[in-house]
Amino acid sequence: MSKSAEFREYADECMGWAKTAKSDRERETFLQMAKTWLEAAVRLEAAERHTRPAPNDLENRSDAIR
């Protein structure tokens, strides 16, 4: 499994935790963690392609978790 796929799995786990969060603060923390993992995956994939991610690429992928 690639590192970026692993990062995406971590993001999925965080999303699951956000669904069962006991407070809004806890939910927001898990959502922020998921966003961070997704951004890391996108950046790693871009680095592997030897390009920088377009700002819209990061924004579009992290918007999916909101």
N, C-alpha and C. Protein backbone atom coordinates (compact mmCIF):
# COMPACT_ATOMS: atom_id res chain seq x y z
N MET A 1 0.85 -1.17 0.00
CA MET A 1 0.00 0.00 0.00
C MET A 1 0.90 1.24 0.00
N SER A 2 0.54 2.20 -0.83
CA SER A 2 1.33 3.42 -0.90
C SER A 2 1.09 4.27 0.34
N LYS A 3 2.01 5.16 0.61
CA LYS A 3 1.88 6.07 1.75
C LYS A 3 0.65 6.95 1.59
N SER A 4 0.41 7.44 0.37
CA SER A 4 -0.75 8.31 0.18
C SER A 4 -2.06 7.55 0.43
N ALA A 5 -2.11 6.28 0.05
CA ALA A 5 -3.29 5.46 0.33
C ALA A 5 -3.44 5.26 1.84
N GLU A 6 -2.32 5.08 2.51
CA GLU A 6 -2.34 4.94 3.96
C GLU A 6 -2.87 6.22 4.61
N PHE A 7 -2.42 7.36 4.11
CA PHE A 7 -2.88 8.64 4.64
C PHE A 7 -4.39 8.79 4.43
N ARG A 8 -4.87 8.35 3.28
CA ARG A 8 -6.31 8.42 3.01
C ARG A 8 -7.10 7.50 3.95
N GLU A 9 -6.53 6.37 4.29
CA GLU A 9 -7.18 5.48 5.26
C GLU A 9 -7.26 6.15 6.63
N TYR A 10 -6.19 6.84 7.02
CA TYR A 10 -6.21 7.57 8.28
C TYR A 10 -7.31 8.64 8.26
N ALA A 11 -7.45 9.32 7.13
CA ALA A 11 -8.50 10.33 6.99
C ALA A 11 -9.88 9.69 7.14
N ASP A 12 -10.05 8.52 6.53
CA ASP A 12 -11.33 7.81 6.65
C ASP A 12 -11.62 7.43 8.10
N GLU A 13 -10.60 7.00 8.82
CA GLU A 13 -10.78 6.67 10.23
C GLU A 13 -11.21 7.91 11.01
N CYS A 14 -10.58 9.03 10.74
CA CYS A 14 -10.93 10.27 11.43
C CYS A 14 -12.37 10.66 11.13
N MET A 15 -12.79 10.44 9.89
CA MET A 15 -14.18 10.74 9.52
C MET A 15 -15.15 9.86 10.32
N GLY A 16 -14.79 8.61 10.48
CA GLY A 16 -15.61 7.71 11.28
C GLY A 16 -15.71 8.16 12.72
N TRP A 17 -14.58 8.58 13.27
CA TRP A 17 -14.58 9.08 14.65
C TRP A 17 -15.42 10.35 14.77
N ALA A 18 -15.37 11.20 13.73
CA ALA A 18 -16.17 12.44 13.76
C ALA A 18 -17.66 12.11 13.82
N LYS A 19 -18.07 11.04 13.16
CA LYS A 19 -19.49 10.66 13.16
C LYS A 19 -19.97 10.22 14.53
N THR A 20 -19.05 9.72 15.36
CA THR A 20 -19.44 9.24 16.68
C THR A 20 -18.96 10.17 17.80
N ALA A 21 -18.51 11.35 17.44
CA ALA A 21 -18.00 12.30 18.43
C ALA A 21 -19.10 12.67 19.43
N LYS A 22 -18.67 12.90 20.65
CA LYS A 22 -19.61 13.21 21.72
C LYS A 22 -19.87 14.70 21.88
N SER A 23 -19.09 15.51 21.19
CA SER A 23 -19.28 16.96 21.29
C SER A 23 -18.90 17.61 19.96
N ASP A 24 -19.36 18.81 19.77
CA ASP A 24 -19.00 19.55 18.55
C ASP A 24 -17.50 19.78 18.49
N ARG A 25 -16.90 20.08 19.62
CA ARG A 25 -15.45 20.32 19.65
C ARG A 25 -14.69 19.07 19.23
N GLU A 26 -15.10 17.94 19.75
CA GLU A 26 -14.45 16.67 19.38
C GLU A 26 -14.64 16.38 17.89
N ARG A 27 -15.85 16.60 17.39
CA ARG A 27 -16.15 16.38 15.97
C ARG A 27 -15.26 17.26 15.09
N GLU A 28 -15.15 18.53 15.45
CA GLU A 28 -14.31 19.45 14.67
C GLU A 28 -12.84 19.03 14.70
N THR A 29 -12.40 18.53 15.83
CA THR A 29 -11.01 18.05 15.93
C THR A 29 -10.78 16.89 14.97
N PHE A 30 -11.70 15.93 14.96
CA PHE A 30 -11.54 14.80 14.05
C PHE A 30 -11.64 15.22 12.59
N LEU A 31 -12.53 16.16 12.29
CA LEU A 31 -12.64 16.65 10.91
C LEU A 31 -11.36 17.36 10.48
N GLN A 32 -10.76 18.12 11.39
CA GLN A 32 -9.51 18.80 11.07
C GLN A 32 -8.40 17.77 10.85
N MET A 33 -8.38 16.73 11.66
CA MET A 33 -7.39 15.66 11.48
C MET A 33 -7.57 15.01 10.11
N ALA A 34 -8.82 14.73 9.72
CA ALA A 34 -9.09 14.12 8.41
C ALA A 34 -8.61 15.04 7.30
N LYS A 35 -8.89 16.31 7.43
CA LYS A 35 -8.45 17.28 6.42
C LYS A 35 -6.93 17.28 6.30
N THR A 36 -6.26 17.25 7.43
CA THR A 36 -4.80 17.25 7.43
C THR A 36 -4.24 16.00 6.75
N TRP A 37 -4.83 14.83 7.03
CA TRP A 37 -4.38 13.60 6.39
C TRP A 37 -4.63 13.64 4.88
N LEU A 38 -5.79 14.17 4.46
CA LEU A 38 -6.08 14.27 3.02
C LEU A 38 -5.10 15.22 2.34
N GLU A 39 -4.82 16.34 2.98
CA GLU A 39 -3.86 17.28 2.41
C GLU A 39 -2.48 16.65 2.29
N ALA A 40 -2.10 15.87 3.29
CA ALA A 40 -0.81 15.18 3.23
C ALA A 40 -0.77 14.19 2.07
N ALA A 41 -1.87 13.49 1.85
CA ALA A 41 -1.94 12.54 0.74
C ALA A 41 -1.80 13.26 -0.60
N VAL A 42 -2.51 14.37 -0.74
CA VAL A 42 -2.45 15.14 -1.99
C VAL A 42 -1.05 15.68 -2.22
N ARG A 43 -0.45 16.20 -1.18
CA ARG A 43 0.92 16.74 -1.32
C ARG A 43 1.92 15.65 -1.67
N LEU A 44 1.78 14.50 -1.05
CA LEU A 44 2.69 13.39 -1.34
C LEU A 44 2.51 12.92 -2.78
N GLU A 45 1.28 12.80 -3.22
CA GLU A 45 1.03 12.40 -4.61
C GLU A 45 1.63 13.41 -5.59
N ALA A 46 1.51 14.68 -5.25
CA ALA A 46 2.08 15.71 -6.12
C ALA A 46 3.61 15.61 -6.13
N ALA A 47 4.19 15.37 -4.96
CA ALA A 47 5.65 15.24 -4.89
C ALA A 47 6.12 14.03 -5.69
N GLU A 48 5.33 12.99 -5.65
CA GLU A 48 5.69 11.79 -6.42
C GLU A 48 5.63 12.06 -7.92
N ARG A 49 4.80 13.01 -8.32
CA ARG A 49 4.71 13.41 -9.73
C ARG A 49 5.68 14.55 -10.03
N HIS A 50 6.39 15.00 -9.00
CA HIS A 50 7.35 16.10 -9.12
C HIS A 50 6.69 17.41 -9.52
N THR A 51 5.48 17.59 -9.03
CA THR A 51 4.78 18.85 -9.25
C THR A 51 4.18 19.31 -7.93
N ARG A 52 3.80 20.55 -7.89
CA ARG A 52 3.12 21.07 -6.72
C ARG A 52 1.62 20.93 -6.94
N PRO A 53 0.89 20.64 -5.87
CA PRO A 53 -0.56 20.56 -6.02
C PRO A 53 -1.14 21.95 -6.29
N ALA A 54 -2.08 22.00 -7.17
CA ALA A 54 -2.76 23.26 -7.43
C ALA A 54 -3.58 23.60 -6.19
N PRO A 55 -3.67 24.88 -5.84
CA PRO A 55 -4.46 25.26 -4.66
C PRO A 55 -5.88 24.70 -4.72
N ASN A 56 -6.49 24.68 -5.89
CA ASN A 56 -7.84 24.16 -6.01
C ASN A 56 -7.90 22.67 -5.72
N ASP A 57 -6.83 21.95 -6.03
CA ASP A 57 -6.79 20.51 -5.78
C ASP A 57 -6.92 20.24 -4.28
N LEU A 58 -6.14 20.94 -3.47
CA LEU A 58 -6.22 20.78 -2.03
C LEU A 58 -7.58 21.23 -1.51
N GLU A 59 -8.05 22.35 -1.99
CA GLU A 59 -9.31 22.90 -1.52
C GLU A 59 -10.47 21.97 -1.85
N ASN A 60 -10.51 21.46 -3.07
CA ASN A 60 -11.60 20.58 -3.47
C ASN A 60 -11.61 19.29 -2.68
N ARG A 61 -10.46 18.74 -2.42
CA ARG A 61 -10.43 17.48 -1.68
C ARG A 61 -10.76 17.68 -0.21
N SER A 62 -10.30 18.78 0.38
CA SER A 62 -10.60 19.00 1.80
C SER A 62 -12.03 19.47 2.00
N ASP A 63 -12.64 20.09 0.99
CA ASP A 63 -14.05 20.49 1.09
C ASP A 63 -14.95 19.27 1.19
N ALA A 64 -14.51 18.14 0.68
CA ALA A 64 -15.32 16.94 0.69
C ALA A 64 -15.59 16.45 2.11
N ILE A 65 -14.78 16.87 3.08
CA ILE A 65 -14.97 16.40 4.44
C ILE A 65 -15.80 17.36 5.27
N ARG A 66 -16.18 18.47 4.72
CA ARG A 66 -16.97 19.43 5.50
C ARG A 66 -18.41 19.12 5.49
